[in-house]
Amino acid sequence: MRTTLTIDPDVEQLLLREMRRTNSGMKAVVNDALRAGLGIRGKKRAVPRYKVEPHAFGVRPGIDPYRLNQLADELEAAEFIRRQDN
């Protein structure tokens, strides 16, 4: 929302001091001051809950998808042994 405000000289000095202190623009300082004055600073906004969507990976029963690296190592070792016997 755009609006025009008439700011008293003492408030202007406070705003300028806060702008220098925080290295922020007037818009940010005024909005923060209004939030604090209206009692809404620091209140968390409602964040929508994260929903987990399950996915079927098509892994056969008995195969643990978290141990696929171990399975790959076992298959590689078996292939190495097979080649050594030939």
PDB file of N, CA and C in Angstrom:
ATOM      1  N   MET A   1       0.842  -1.165   0.000  1.00  0.00           N
ATOM      2  CA  MET A   1       0.000   0.000   0.000  1.00  0.00           C
ATOM      3  C   MET A   1       0.893   1.236   0.000  1.00  0.00           C
ATOM      4  N   ARG A   2       0.565   2.177  -0.818  1.00  0.00           N
ATOM      5  CA  ARG A   2       1.294   3.441  -0.838  1.00  0.00           C
ATOM      6  C   ARG A   2       0.474   4.475  -0.094  1.00  0.00           C
ATOM      7  N   THR A   3       1.175   5.292   0.681  1.00  0.00           N
ATOM      8  CA  THR A   3       0.500   6.376   1.387  1.00  0.00           C
ATOM      9  C   THR A   3       1.512   7.467   1.680  1.00  0.00           C
ATOM     10  N   THR A   4       1.020   8.620   2.004  1.00  0.00           N
ATOM     11  CA  THR A   4       1.888   9.732   2.374  1.00  0.00           C
ATOM     12  C   THR A   4       1.725   9.980   3.858  1.00  0.00           C
ATOM     13  N   LEU A   5       2.847  10.063   4.557  1.00  0.00           N
ATOM     14  CA  LEU A   5       2.835  10.321   5.993  1.00  0.00           C
ATOM     15  C   LEU A   5       3.543  11.643   6.284  1.00  0.00           C
ATOM     16  N   THR A   6       3.040  12.330   7.265  1.00  0.00           N
ATOM     17  CA  THR A   6       3.753  13.498   7.771  1.00  0.00           C
ATOM     18  C   THR A   6       4.427  13.057   9.061  1.00  0.00           C
ATOM     19  N   ILE A   7       5.745  13.057   9.041  1.00  0.00           N
ATOM     20  CA  ILE A   7       6.517  12.562  10.181  1.00  0.00           C
ATOM     21  C   ILE A   7       7.034  13.745  10.979  1.00  0.00           C
ATOM     22  N   ASP A   8       6.806  13.680  12.275  1.00  0.00           N
ATOM     23  CA  ASP A   8       7.294  14.739  13.158  1.00  0.00           C
ATOM     24  C   ASP A   8       8.818  14.751  13.150  1.00  0.00           C
ATOM     25  N   PRO A   9       9.438  15.922  13.378  1.00  0.00           N
ATOM     26  CA  PRO A   9      10.900  16.049  13.332  1.00  0.00           C
ATOM     27  C   PRO A   9      11.620  15.106  14.304  1.00  0.00           C
ATOM     28  N   ASP A  10      11.086  14.898  15.503  1.00  0.00           N
ATOM     29  CA  ASP A  10      11.768  14.008  16.445  1.00  0.00           C
ATOM     30  C   ASP A  10      11.715  12.556  15.972  1.00  0.00           C
ATOM     31  N   VAL A  11      10.607  12.144  15.343  1.00  0.00           N
ATOM     32  CA  VAL A  11      10.486  10.786  14.807  1.00  0.00           C
ATOM     33  C   VAL A  11      11.398  10.635  13.590  1.00  0.00           C
ATOM     34  N   GLU A  12      11.513  11.688  12.811  1.00  0.00           N
ATOM     35  CA  GLU A  12      12.412  11.661  11.649  1.00  0.00           C
ATOM     36  C   GLU A  12      13.842  11.400  12.094  1.00  0.00           C
ATOM     37  N   GLN A  13      14.273  12.070  13.156  1.00  0.00           N
ATOM     38  CA  GLN A  13      15.632  11.859  13.658  1.00  0.00           C
ATOM     39  C   GLN A  13      15.828  10.423  14.139  1.00  0.00           C
ATOM     40  N   LEU A  14      14.804   9.877  14.800  1.00  0.00           N
ATOM     41  CA  LEU A  14      14.880   8.485  15.249  1.00  0.00           C
ATOM     42  C   LEU A  14      14.946   7.524  14.065  1.00  0.00           C
ATOM     43  N   LEU A  15      14.163   7.790  13.031  1.00  0.00           N
ATOM     44  CA  LEU A  15      14.195   6.959  11.829  1.00  0.00           C
ATOM     45  C   LEU A  15      15.556   7.019  11.146  1.00  0.00           C
ATOM     46  N   LEU A  16      16.100   8.225  11.014  1.00  0.00           N
ATOM     47  CA  LEU A  16      17.409   8.371  10.374  1.00  0.00           C
ATOM     48  C   LEU A  16      18.495   7.663  11.169  1.00  0.00           C
ATOM     49  N   ARG A  17      18.428   7.759  12.489  1.00  0.00           N
ATOM     50  CA  ARG A  17      19.404   7.088  13.344  1.00  0.00           C
ATOM     51  C   ARG A  17      19.297   5.562  13.178  1.00  0.00           C
ATOM     52  N   GLU A  18      18.062   5.063  13.139  1.00  0.00           N
ATOM     53  CA  GLU A  18      17.853   3.613  12.977  1.00  0.00           C
ATOM     54  C   GLU A  18      18.288   3.147  11.586  1.00  0.00           C
ATOM     55  N   MET A  19      18.072   3.967  10.582  1.00  0.00           N
ATOM     56  CA  MET A  19      18.522   3.628   9.233  1.00  0.00           C
ATOM     57  C   MET A  19      20.034   3.496   9.182  1.00  0.00           C
ATOM     58  N   ARG A  20      20.738   4.425   9.837  1.00  0.00           N
ATOM     59  CA  ARG A  20      22.205   4.353   9.870  1.00  0.00           C
ATOM     60  C   ARG A  20      22.663   3.148  10.677  1.00  0.00           C
ATOM     61  N   ARG A  21      21.997   2.900  11.810  1.00  0.00           N
ATOM     62  CA  ARG A  21      22.400   1.793  12.692  1.00  0.00           C
ATOM     63  C   ARG A  21      22.241   0.443  12.000  1.00  0.00           C
ATOM     64  N   THR A  22      21.129   0.251  11.307  1.00  0.00           N
ATOM     65  CA  THR A  22      20.851  -1.047  10.687  1.00  0.00           C
ATOM     66  C   THR A  22      21.271  -1.126   9.229  1.00  0.00           C
ATOM     67  N   ASN A  23      21.732   0.010   8.700  1.00  0.00           N
ATOM     68  CA  ASN A  23      22.100   0.074   7.281  1.00  0.00           C
ATOM     69  C   ASN A  23      20.928  -0.381   6.413  1.00  0.00           C
ATOM     70  N   SER A  24      19.737   0.069   6.755  1.00  0.00           N
ATOM     71  CA  SER A  24      18.508  -0.284   6.043  1.00  0.00           C
ATOM     72  C   SER A  24      17.882   0.971   5.461  1.00  0.00           C
ATOM     73  N   GLY A  25      16.976   0.759   4.547  1.00  0.00           N
ATOM     74  CA  GLY A  25      16.250   1.869   3.956  1.00  0.00           C
ATOM     75  C   GLY A  25      15.092   2.302   4.838  1.00  0.00           C
ATOM     76  N   MET A  26      14.514   3.455   4.482  1.00  0.00           N
ATOM     77  CA  MET A  26      13.416   3.991   5.276  1.00  0.00           C
ATOM     78  C   MET A  26      12.224   3.043   5.270  1.00  0.00           C
ATOM     79  N   LYS A  27      11.926   2.454   4.136  1.00  0.00           N
ATOM     80  CA  LYS A  27      10.788   1.547   4.039  1.00  0.00           C
ATOM     81  C   LYS A  27      10.905   0.406   5.049  1.00  0.00           C
ATOM     82  N   ALA A  28      12.072  -0.226   5.116  1.00  0.00           N
ATOM     83  CA  ALA A  28      12.270  -1.347   6.036  1.00  0.00           C
ATOM     84  C   ALA A  28      12.168  -0.897   7.488  1.00  0.00           C
ATOM     85  N   VAL A  29      12.775   0.250   7.809  1.00  0.00           N
ATOM     86  CA  VAL A  29      12.757   0.751   9.183  1.00  0.00           C
ATOM     87  C   VAL A  29      11.340   1.117   9.608  1.00  0.00           C
ATOM     88  N   VAL A  30      10.604   1.791   8.733  1.00  0.00           N
ATOM     89  CA  VAL A  30       9.229   2.176   9.070  1.00  0.00           C
ATOM     90  C   VAL A  30       8.365   0.928   9.231  1.00  0.00           C
ATOM     91  N   ASN A  31       8.481  -0.032   8.329  1.00  0.00           N
ATOM     92  CA  ASN A  31       7.688  -1.257   8.449  1.00  0.00           C
ATOM     93  C   ASN A  31       8.013  -2.009   9.738  1.00  0.00           C
ATOM     94  N   ASP A  32       9.300  -2.129  10.085  1.00  0.00           N
ATOM     95  CA  ASP A  32       9.678  -2.800  11.337  1.00  0.00           C
ATOM     96  C   ASP A  32       9.121  -2.060  12.549  1.00  0.00           C
ATOM     97  N   ALA A  33       9.194  -0.734  12.513  1.00  0.00           N
ATOM     98  CA  ALA A  33       8.683   0.052  13.637  1.00  0.00           C
ATOM     99  C   ALA A  33       7.167  -0.108  13.767  1.00  0.00           C
ATOM    100  N   LEU A  34       6.474  -0.126  12.639  1.00  0.00           N
ATOM    101  CA  LEU A  34       5.028  -0.322  12.683  1.00  0.00           C
ATOM    102  C   LEU A  34       4.670  -1.717  13.195  1.00  0.00           C
ATOM    103  N   ARG A  35       5.404  -2.732  12.744  1.00  0.00           N
ATOM    104  CA  ARG A  35       5.159  -4.092  13.245  1.00  0.00           C
ATOM    105  C   ARG A  35       5.360  -4.151  14.757  1.00  0.00           C
ATOM    106  N   ALA A  36       6.454  -3.557  15.211  1.00  0.00           N
ATOM    107  CA  ALA A  36       6.732  -3.564  16.655  1.00  0.00           C
ATOM    108  C   ALA A  36       5.637  -2.812  17.410  1.00  0.00           C
ATOM    109  N   GLY A  37       5.228  -1.680  16.888  1.00  0.00           N
ATOM    110  CA  GLY A  37       4.208  -0.881  17.545  1.00  0.00           C
ATOM    111  C   GLY A  37       2.842  -1.540  17.544  1.00  0.00           C
ATOM    112  N   LEU A  38       2.575  -2.320  16.521  1.00  0.00           N
ATOM    113  CA  LEU A  38       1.288  -3.010  16.440  1.00  0.00           C
ATOM    114  C   LEU A  38       1.316  -4.367  17.135  1.00  0.00           C
ATOM    115  N   GLY A  39       2.488  -4.729  17.672  1.00  0.00           N
ATOM    116  CA  GLY A  39       2.592  -5.970  18.437  1.00  0.00           C
ATOM    117  C   GLY A  39       2.668  -7.232  17.611  1.00  0.00           C
ATOM    118  N   ILE A  40       3.134  -7.125  16.364  1.00  0.00           N
ATOM    119  CA  ILE A  40       3.219  -8.325  15.535  1.00  0.00           C
ATOM    120  C   ILE A  40       4.651  -8.712  15.198  1.00  0.00           C
ATOM    121  N   ARG A  41       5.622  -7.990  15.719  1.00  0.00           N
ATOM    122  CA  ARG A  41       7.019  -8.345  15.454  1.00  0.00           C
ATOM    123  C   ARG A  41       7.332  -9.624  16.217  1.00  0.00           C
ATOM    124  N   GLY A  42       8.034 -10.499  15.570  1.00  0.00           N
ATOM    125  CA  GLY A  42       8.480 -11.721  16.208  1.00  0.00           C
ATOM    126  C   GLY A  42       7.459 -12.848  16.191  1.00  0.00           C
ATOM    127  N   LYS A  43       6.221 -12.564  15.820  1.00  0.00           N
ATOM    128  CA  LYS A  43       5.238 -13.633  15.746  1.00  0.00           C
ATOM    129  C   LYS A  43       5.474 -14.396  14.453  1.00  0.00           C
ATOM    130  N   LYS A  44       5.440 -15.697  14.581  1.00  0.00           N
ATOM    131  CA  LYS A  44       5.677 -16.531  13.414  1.00  0.00           C
ATOM    132  C   LYS A  44       4.417 -16.598  12.564  1.00  0.00           C
ATOM    133  N   ARG A  45       4.637 -16.539  11.280  1.00  0.00           N
ATOM    134  CA  ARG A  45       3.526 -16.687  10.358  1.00  0.00           C
ATOM    135  C   ARG A  45       3.197 -18.168  10.232  1.00  0.00           C
ATOM    136  N   ALA A  46       1.948 -18.462   9.989  1.00  0.00           N
ATOM    137  CA  ALA A  46       1.535 -19.848   9.813  1.00  0.00           C
ATOM    138  C   ALA A  46       2.173 -20.398   8.540  1.00  0.00           C
ATOM    139  N   VAL A  47       2.929 -21.454   8.695  1.00  0.00           N
ATOM    140  CA  VAL A  47       3.594 -22.094   7.570  1.00  0.00           C
ATOM    141  C   VAL A  47       2.823 -23.371   7.257  1.00  0.00           C
ATOM    142  N   PRO A  48       2.449 -23.559   6.018  1.00  0.00           N
ATOM    143  CA  PRO A  48       1.711 -24.781   5.704  1.00  0.00           C
ATOM    144  C   PRO A  48       2.557 -26.022   5.987  1.00  0.00           C
ATOM    145  N   ARG A  49       1.884 -27.040   6.492  1.00  0.00           N
ATOM    146  CA  ARG A  49       2.595 -28.277   6.816  1.00  0.00           C
ATOM    147  C   ARG A  49       3.151 -28.903   5.544  1.00  0.00           C
ATOM    148  N   TYR A  50       4.317 -29.508   5.679  1.00  0.00           N
ATOM    149  CA  TYR A  50       4.938 -30.197   4.558  1.00  0.00           C
ATOM    150  C   TYR A  50       4.304 -31.567   4.435  1.00  0.00           C
ATOM    151  N   LYS A  51       3.862 -31.906   3.257  1.00  0.00           N
ATOM    152  CA  LYS A  51       3.217 -33.190   3.039  1.00  0.00           C
ATOM    153  C   LYS A  51       4.165 -34.099   2.282  1.00  0.00           C
ATOM    154  N   VAL A  52       4.372 -35.295   2.825  1.00  0.00           N
ATOM    155  CA  VAL A  52       5.244 -36.283   2.193  1.00  0.00           C
ATOM    156  C   VAL A  52       4.400 -37.131   1.252  1.00  0.00           C
ATOM    157  N   GLU A  53       4.825 -37.186   0.023  1.00  0.00           N
ATOM    158  CA  GLU A  53       4.142 -38.009  -0.965  1.00  0.00           C
ATOM    159  C   GLU A  53       4.942 -39.297  -1.152  1.00  0.00           C
ATOM    160  N   PRO A  54       4.425 -40.446  -0.705  1.00  0.00           N
ATOM    161  CA  PRO A  54       5.168 -41.697  -0.868  1.00  0.00           C
ATOM    162  C   PRO A  54       5.264 -42.089  -2.343  1.00  0.00           C
ATOM    163  N   HIS A  55       6.317 -42.790  -2.668  1.00  0.00           N
ATOM    164  CA  HIS A  55       6.552 -43.205  -4.042  1.00  0.00           C
ATOM    165  C   HIS A  55       6.980 -44.666  -4.041  1.00  0.00           C
ATOM    166  N   ALA A  56       6.357 -45.461  -4.862  1.00  0.00           N
ATOM    167  CA  ALA A  56       6.732 -46.877  -4.986  1.00  0.00           C
ATOM    168  C   ALA A  56       7.942 -46.968  -5.913  1.00  0.00           C
ATOM    169  N   PHE A  57       9.053 -47.458  -5.380  1.00  0.00           N
ATOM    170  CA  PHE A  57      10.283 -47.540  -6.183  1.00  0.00           C
ATOM    171  C   PHE A  57      10.371 -48.833  -6.975  1.00  0.00           C
ATOM    172  N   GLY A  58       9.487 -49.766  -6.714  1.00  0.00           N
ATOM    173  CA  GLY A  58       9.502 -51.005  -7.470  1.00  0.00           C
ATOM    174  C   GLY A  58      10.630 -51.946  -7.075  1.00  0.00           C
ATOM    175  N   VAL A  59      11.152 -51.822  -5.868  1.00  0.00           N
ATOM    176  CA  VAL A  59      12.219 -52.709  -5.402  1.00  0.00           C
ATOM    177  C   VAL A  59      11.578 -54.007  -4.935  1.00  0.00           C
ATOM    178  N   ARG A  60      12.189 -55.137  -5.332  1.00  0.00           N
ATOM    179  CA  ARG A  60      11.636 -56.442  -4.967  1.00  0.00           C
ATOM    180  C   ARG A  60      11.716 -56.668  -3.457  1.00  0.00           C
ATOM    181  N   PRO A  61      10.767 -57.441  -2.922  1.00  0.00           N
ATOM    182  CA  PRO A  61      10.815 -57.764  -1.496  1.00  0.00           C
ATOM    183  C   PRO A  61      12.127 -58.444  -1.145  1.00  0.00           C
ATOM    184  N   GLY A  62      12.672 -58.108   0.009  1.00  0.00           N
ATOM    185  CA  GLY A  62      13.932 -58.687   0.469  1.00  0.00           C
ATOM    186  C   GLY A  62      15.150 -57.855   0.107  1.00  0.00           C
ATOM    187  N   ILE A  63      14.988 -56.854  -0.750  1.00  0.00           N
ATOM    188  CA  ILE A  63      16.103 -55.980  -1.114  1.00  0.00           C
ATOM    189  C   ILE A  63      15.917 -54.659  -0.378  1.00  0.00           C
ATOM    190  N   ASP A  64      16.885 -54.333   0.438  1.00  0.00           N
ATOM    191  CA  ASP A  64      16.838 -53.096   1.216  1.00  0.00           C
ATOM    192  C   ASP A  64      17.406 -51.970   0.355  1.00  0.00           C
ATOM    193  N   PRO A  65      16.578 -50.997  -0.032  1.00  0.00           N
ATOM    194  CA  PRO A  65      17.078 -49.940  -0.917  1.00  0.00           C
ATOM    195  C   PRO A  65      18.173 -49.094  -0.286  1.00  0.00           C
ATOM    196  N   TYR A  66      18.310 -49.145   1.053  1.00  0.00           N
ATOM    197  CA  TYR A  66      19.355 -48.386   1.719  1.00  0.00           C
ATOM    198  C   TYR A  66      20.692 -49.118   1.700  1.00  0.00           C
ATOM    199  N   ARG A  67      20.687 -50.372   1.223  1.00  0.00           N
ATOM    200  CA  ARG A  67      21.927 -51.142   1.175  1.00  0.00           C
ATOM    201  C   ARG A  67      22.274 -51.555  -0.250  1.00  0.00           C
ATOM    202  N   LEU A  68      21.831 -50.783  -1.216  1.00  0.00           N
ATOM    203  CA  LEU A  68      22.099 -51.126  -2.610  1.00  0.00           C
ATOM    204  C   LEU A  68      23.589 -51.085  -2.938  1.00  0.00           C
ATOM    205  N   ASN A  69      24.338 -50.212  -2.294  1.00  0.00           N
ATOM    206  CA  ASN A  69      25.792 -50.175  -2.527  1.00  0.00           C
ATOM    207  C   ASN A  69      26.441 -51.480  -2.090  1.00  0.00           C
ATOM    208  N   GLN A  70      25.968 -52.028  -0.967  1.00  0.00           N
ATOM    209  CA  GLN A  70      26.511 -53.305  -0.496  1.00  0.00           C
ATOM    210  C   GLN A  70      26.189 -54.404  -1.503  1.00  0.00           C
ATOM    211  N   LEU A  71      24.968 -54.414  -2.029  1.00  0.00           N
ATOM    212  CA  LEU A  71      24.579 -55.395  -3.041  1.00  0.00           C
ATOM    213  C   LEU A  71      25.462 -55.257  -4.278  1.00  0.00           C
ATOM    214  N   ALA A  72      25.724 -54.035  -4.721  1.00  0.00           N
ATOM    215  CA  ALA A  72      26.590 -53.818  -5.886  1.00  0.00           C
ATOM    216  C   ALA A  72      27.994 -54.338  -5.616  1.00  0.00           C
ATOM    217  N   ASP A  73      28.520 -54.120  -4.412  1.00  0.00           N
ATOM    218  CA  ASP A  73      29.851 -54.632  -4.053  1.00  0.00           C
ATOM    219  C   ASP A  73      29.874 -56.154  -4.075  1.00  0.00           C
ATOM    220  N   GLU A  74      28.833 -56.784  -3.534  1.00  0.00           N
ATOM    221  CA  GLU A  74      28.771 -58.251  -3.510  1.00  0.00           C
ATOM    222  C   GLU A  74      28.711 -58.820  -4.926  1.00  0.00           C
ATOM    223  N   LEU A  75      27.918 -58.194  -5.792  1.00  0.00           N
ATOM    224  CA  LEU A  75      27.834 -58.656  -7.179  1.00  0.00           C
ATOM    225  C   LEU A  75      29.164 -58.481  -7.901  1.00  0.00           C
ATOM    226  N   GLU A  76      29.844 -57.368  -7.640  1.00  0.00           N
ATOM    227  CA  GLU A  76      31.151 -57.121  -8.259  1.00  0.00           C
ATOM    228  C   GLU A  76      32.173 -58.139  -7.779  1.00  0.00           C
ATOM    229  N   ALA A  77      32.161 -58.462  -6.487  1.00  0.00           N
ATOM    230  CA  ALA A  77      33.097 -59.455  -5.938  1.00  0.00           C
ATOM    231  C   ALA A  77      32.812 -60.834  -6.532  1.00  0.00           C
ATOM    232  N   ALA A  78      31.541 -61.191  -6.666  1.00  0.00           N
ATOM    233  CA  ALA A  78      31.187 -62.493  -7.243  1.00  0.00           C
ATOM    234  C   ALA A  78      31.654 -62.572  -8.695  1.00  0.00           C
ATOM    235  N   GLU A  79      31.496 -61.502  -9.443  1.00  0.00           N
ATOM    236  CA  GLU A  79      31.952 -61.471 -10.843  1.00  0.00           C
ATOM    237  C   GLU A  79      33.471 -61.584 -10.923  1.00  0.00           C
ATOM    238  N   PHE A  80      34.192 -60.927 -10.010  1.00  0.00           N
ATOM    239  CA  PHE A  80      35.654 -61.004  -9.971  1.00  0.00           C
ATOM    240  C   PHE A  80      36.100 -62.445  -9.703  1.00  0.00           C
ATOM    241  N   ILE A  81      35.462 -63.101  -8.746  1.00  0.00           N
ATOM    242  CA  ILE A  81      35.810 -64.491  -8.411  1.00  0.00           C
ATOM    243  C   ILE A  81      35.502 -65.399  -9.590  1.00  0.00           C
ATOM    244  N   ARG A  82      34.373 -65.182 -10.254  1.00  0.00           N
ATOM    245  CA  ARG A  82      34.009 -66.003 -11.413  1.00  0.00           C
ATOM    246  C   ARG A  82      35.063 -65.884 -12.509  1.00  0.00           C
ATOM    247  N   ARG A  83      35.574 -64.654 -12.726  1.00  0.00           N
ATOM    248  CA  ARG A  83      36.588 -64.458 -13.754  1.00  0.00           C
ATOM    249  C   ARG A  83      37.918 -65.090 -13.376  1.00  0.00           C
ATOM    250  N   GLN A  84      38.230 -65.132 -12.102  1.00  0.00           N
ATOM    251  CA  GLN A  84      39.490 -65.720 -11.646  1.00  0.00           C
ATOM    252  C   GLN A  84      39.468 -67.242 -11.816  1.00  0.00           C
ATOM    253  N   ASP A  85      38.293 -67.848 -11.687  1.00  0.00           N
ATOM    254  CA  ASP A  85      38.173 -69.312 -11.836  1.00  0.00           C
ATOM    255  C   ASP A  85      38.274 -69.744 -13.290  1.00  0.00           C
ATOM    256  N   ASN A  86      37.999 -68.858 -14.221  1.00  0.00           N
ATOM    257  CA  ASN A  86      38.053 -69.220 -15.664  1.00  0.00           C
ATOM    258  C   ASN A  86      39.406 -69.053 -16.207  1.00  0.00           C
TER     259      ASN A  86
END
